[in-house]
Amino acid sequence: MTINQLLTRLAASFFALLAMMLIPNPAMAHCDGMDGPVVKAAQRALASGDVNLVLIWVQKKDIQEIRQAFERTLAVRKLGHAAQELADLYFFETLVRMHRAGEGEPYTGLKPAGRDLGPAISLADQVLTTGKADPLVKLITDETRNGLIERFEHALKAKNYATADVDAGRKYVQAYVEFIHYAERAYEAGTQDAVGHFSAGSQHTAEKHDK
């Protein structure tokens, strides 16, 4: 099988890195950052007095608690600048904590702005603003293709070992396993729904049925 044939069969893996980035976890998530979308929504909500701007970030069962926290925050903000800063921080933490709980993830505190989250997350946010997904598709396609080719060529080279050389055989097995697992993860990530704040794939599936 040639490299091109292999890549054709694994075309779905073009979206592998994106799917991996979308799987929430403490290291990769950006919703707990001070410059993340949840805190930004909270800032807009407090400035405008519109709680609906943040209710979309929590589960339905948590809406009442967020409404109460929002009203308390608005009341305390009127007491002065220092009180406003403390009240805002309380609301940010409450909202992010409940959002993370909705993702099935622990709340580990608000993270500082300006963290390096890698290129995929920032570019994913960017293309939603520009309305053009091509730059993100290219990034993921290139990274996935390079990862597959590198592991394929390594395994193919290691495959030609003398049967008497057990150490070389073990190196081939290691290269083989890495290649197969990478291909499997890439395919699964490209074909399965990412775990998220709502039921996996529910909205996307509903939209497909509506068409």
Protein backbone atom coordinates (compact mmCIF):
# COMPACT_ATOMS: atom_id res chain seq x y z
CA MET A 1 0.00 0.00 0.00
CA THR A 2 1.40 3.39 -0.96
CA ILE A 3 1.43 6.41 1.29
CA ASN A 4 -1.19 8.15 -0.85
CA GLN A 5 -3.50 5.13 -0.65
CA LEU A 6 -3.07 5.01 3.10
CA LEU A 7 -3.85 8.70 3.44
CA THR A 8 -6.90 8.37 1.23
CA ARG A 9 -8.31 5.61 3.44
CA LEU A 10 -7.68 7.79 6.49
CA ALA A 11 -9.15 10.96 5.02
CA ALA A 12 -11.39 11.41 8.04
CA SER A 13 -8.31 11.84 10.20
CA PHE A 14 -7.83 15.32 8.73
CA PHE A 15 -10.04 16.48 11.57
CA ALA A 16 -8.29 14.42 14.23
CA LEU A 17 -6.28 17.18 15.86
CA LEU A 18 -9.29 19.46 16.01
CA ALA A 19 -11.36 16.80 17.71
CA MET A 20 -8.54 16.18 20.18
CA MET A 21 -8.34 19.89 20.92
CA LEU A 22 -12.08 20.04 21.50
CA ILE A 23 -12.04 17.33 24.12
CA PRO A 24 -12.10 19.30 27.35
CA ASN A 25 -9.41 18.56 29.92
CA PRO A 26 -7.53 20.65 32.49
CA ALA A 27 -4.48 21.09 30.27
CA MET A 28 -6.18 22.00 27.01
CA ALA A 29 -9.41 23.80 27.96
CA HIS A 30 -9.48 27.56 27.49
CA CYS A 31 -12.92 28.16 29.01
CA ASP A 32 -11.34 28.59 32.46
CA GLY A 33 -9.06 31.45 31.38
CA MET A 34 -9.56 35.10 32.22
CA ASP A 35 -9.43 35.76 28.48
CA GLY A 36 -11.60 32.74 27.64
CA PRO A 37 -15.10 32.85 26.19
CA VAL A 38 -16.89 32.17 29.47
CA VAL A 39 -15.33 35.07 31.36
CA LYS A 40 -15.75 37.34 28.34
CA ALA A 41 -19.44 36.45 28.26
CA ALA A 42 -19.66 37.20 31.98
CA GLN A 43 -18.06 40.59 31.47
CA ARG A 44 -20.52 41.48 28.72
CA ALA A 45 -23.44 40.26 30.83
CA LEU A 46 -22.43 42.36 33.83
CA ALA A 47 -21.83 45.42 31.70
CA SER A 48 -25.21 45.13 29.95
CA GLY A 49 -27.25 43.61 32.76
CA ASP A 50 -28.32 40.76 30.45
CA VAL A 51 -27.93 37.43 32.24
CA ASN A 52 -28.91 35.52 29.10
CA LEU A 53 -25.41 36.12 27.76
CA VAL A 54 -24.04 33.65 30.32
CA LEU A 55 -26.90 31.20 30.72
CA ILE A 56 -25.90 29.53 27.46
CA TRP A 57 -22.66 28.39 29.13
CA VAL A 58 -24.31 26.29 31.85
CA GLN A 59 -26.67 23.34 32.03
CA LYS A 60 -30.39 23.99 32.41
CA LYS A 61 -30.37 22.65 35.95
CA ASP A 62 -27.83 25.32 36.94
CA ILE A 63 -29.63 28.33 35.46
CA GLN A 64 -31.36 29.36 38.68
CA GLU A 65 -28.13 29.35 40.68
CA ILE A 66 -26.41 31.46 38.02
CA ARG A 67 -29.32 33.91 38.00
CA GLN A 68 -29.02 34.32 41.76
CA ALA A 69 -25.25 34.77 41.58
CA PHE A 70 -25.74 37.34 38.82
CA GLU A 71 -28.24 39.37 40.88
CA ARG A 72 -25.99 39.28 43.96
CA THR A 73 -23.04 40.41 41.87
CA LEU A 74 -24.95 43.33 40.37
CA ALA A 75 -26.03 44.43 43.85
CA VAL A 76 -22.51 44.30 45.33
CA ARG A 77 -20.98 46.08 42.32
CA LYS A 78 -22.84 49.25 43.33
CA LEU A 79 -20.85 49.50 46.57
CA GLY A 80 -17.67 50.80 44.96
CA HIS A 81 -14.72 49.90 42.77
CA ALA A 82 -13.11 47.45 45.20
CA ALA A 83 -16.44 45.73 45.83
CA GLN A 84 -17.03 45.53 42.09
CA GLU A 85 -13.72 43.76 41.50
CA LEU A 86 -14.45 41.19 44.20
CA ALA A 87 -18.02 40.68 43.05
CA ASP A 88 -16.95 40.21 39.44
CA LEU A 89 -14.32 37.67 40.45
CA TYR A 90 -16.92 35.78 42.49
CA PHE A 91 -19.23 35.65 39.49
CA PHE A 92 -16.48 34.59 37.08
CA GLU A 93 -15.47 31.75 39.37
CA THR A 94 -19.05 30.62 39.94
CA LEU A 95 -19.85 30.62 36.23
CA VAL A 96 -16.66 28.86 35.15
CA ARG A 97 -16.99 26.29 37.93
CA MET A 98 -20.51 25.39 36.85
CA HIS A 99 -19.56 25.37 33.19
CA ARG A 100 -16.70 22.96 33.90
CA ALA A 101 -19.01 20.77 35.96
CA GLY A 102 -21.33 20.64 32.96
CA GLU A 103 -18.40 19.30 30.93
CA GLY A 104 -17.72 16.66 33.57
CA GLU A 105 -14.43 18.33 34.46
CA PRO A 106 -13.13 19.64 37.80
CA TYR A 107 -12.77 23.35 38.46
CA THR A 108 -9.12 24.14 39.18
CA GLY A 109 -9.40 27.92 39.43
CA LEU A 110 -9.34 30.77 36.95
CA LYS A 111 -6.27 30.77 34.74
CA PRO A 112 -4.39 33.95 33.75
CA ALA A 113 -4.88 35.56 30.37
CA GLY A 114 -2.32 35.02 27.65
CA ARG A 115 -1.67 31.30 28.13
CA ASP A 116 -0.18 29.43 25.19
CA LEU A 117 -2.92 26.96 24.24
CA GLY A 118 -1.37 25.98 20.94
CA PRO A 119 -2.41 27.04 17.45
CA ALA A 120 -5.61 25.02 17.01
CA ILE A 121 -7.73 26.61 19.74
CA SER A 122 -6.88 30.21 18.86
CA LEU A 123 -7.33 29.50 15.15
CA ALA A 124 -10.66 27.76 15.79
CA ASP A 125 -11.91 30.89 17.55
CA GLN A 126 -10.53 33.03 14.76
CA VAL A 127 -12.25 31.21 11.90
CA LEU A 128 -15.59 31.50 13.69
CA THR A 129 -15.04 35.25 13.54
CA THR A 130 -13.91 35.38 9.92
CA GLY A 131 -16.39 32.78 8.72
CA LYS A 132 -13.70 30.96 6.72
CA ALA A 133 -12.59 27.54 7.97
CA ASP A 134 -9.85 26.96 5.36
CA PRO A 135 -6.90 28.04 7.56
CA LEU A 136 -7.97 25.67 10.33
CA VAL A 137 -8.61 22.80 7.92
CA LYS A 138 -5.15 23.31 6.42
CA LEU A 139 -3.48 23.33 9.84
CA ILE A 140 -5.17 20.10 10.91
CA THR A 141 -4.72 18.43 7.54
CA ASP A 142 -1.02 19.23 7.43
CA GLU A 143 -0.35 18.13 11.01
CA THR A 144 -2.31 14.88 10.64
CA ARG A 145 -0.71 14.06 7.28
CA ASN A 146 2.79 14.73 8.64
CA GLY A 147 2.11 12.57 11.70
CA LEU A 148 0.88 9.66 9.62
CA ILE A 149 3.69 9.83 7.10
CA GLU A 150 6.38 10.06 9.78
CA ARG A 151 5.10 7.02 11.65
CA PHE A 152 4.40 5.06 8.46
CA GLU A 153 7.91 5.57 7.11
CA HIS A 154 9.48 4.76 10.48
CA ALA A 155 7.52 1.49 10.76
CA LEU A 156 8.21 0.59 7.15
CA LYS A 157 11.95 1.10 7.60
CA ALA A 158 12.03 -0.85 10.87
CA LYS A 159 10.13 -3.73 9.27
CA ASN A 160 13.20 -4.88 7.32
CA TYR A 161 15.12 -6.53 10.15
CA ALA A 162 16.94 -9.83 10.42
CA THR A 163 14.88 -12.40 12.29
CA ALA A 164 17.92 -13.28 14.37
CA ASP A 165 18.11 -9.69 15.64
CA VAL A 166 15.52 -9.68 18.43
CA ASP A 167 16.34 -6.12 19.52
CA ALA A 168 15.69 -4.87 16.00
CA GLY A 169 12.47 -6.85 15.98
CA ARG A 170 11.34 -5.15 19.17
CA LYS A 171 12.07 -1.77 17.62
CA TYR A 172 9.87 -2.72 14.69
CA VAL A 173 7.06 -3.75 17.02
CA GLN A 174 7.34 -0.43 18.84
CA ALA A 175 7.23 1.51 15.57
CA TYR A 176 4.34 -0.64 14.33
CA VAL A 177 2.29 -0.10 17.49
CA GLU A 178 2.89 3.66 17.43
CA PHE A 179 1.82 3.86 13.79
CA ILE A 180 -1.29 1.70 14.21
CA HIS A 181 -2.41 3.48 17.37
CA TYR A 182 -1.86 6.89 15.80
CA ALA A 183 -3.93 5.89 12.77
CA GLU A 184 -6.65 4.46 15.02
CA ARG A 185 -6.81 7.54 17.23
CA ALA A 186 -6.83 9.84 14.21
CA TYR A 187 -9.66 7.94 12.57
CA GLU A 188 -11.72 7.71 15.75
CA ALA A 189 -11.20 11.39 16.54
CA GLY A 190 -12.27 12.30 13.03
CA THR A 191 -15.42 10.16 13.06
CA GLN A 192 -16.64 10.40 16.65
CA ASP A 193 -18.27 13.32 18.39
CA ALA A 194 -16.12 15.35 20.74
CA VAL A 195 -17.10 15.34 24.40
CA GLY A 196 -18.48 18.73 25.29
CA HIS A 197 -20.72 20.86 27.44
CA PHE A 198 -23.91 19.37 26.04
CA SER A 199 -24.75 15.80 25.07
CA ALA A 200 -22.12 14.68 22.58
CA GLY A 201 -23.19 15.51 19.06
CA SER A 202 -26.83 16.16 19.99
CA GLN A 203 -27.08 19.56 18.36
CA HIS A 204 -24.96 18.57 15.37
CA THR A 205 -27.03 15.43 14.85
CA ALA A 206 -30.27 17.37 15.13
CA GLU A 207 -29.10 19.87 12.56
CA LYS A 208 -28.25 17.06 10.13
CA HIS A 209 -31.73 15.56 10.55
CA ASP A 210 -33.35 18.95 9.95
CA LYS A 211 -31.70 19.28 6.53
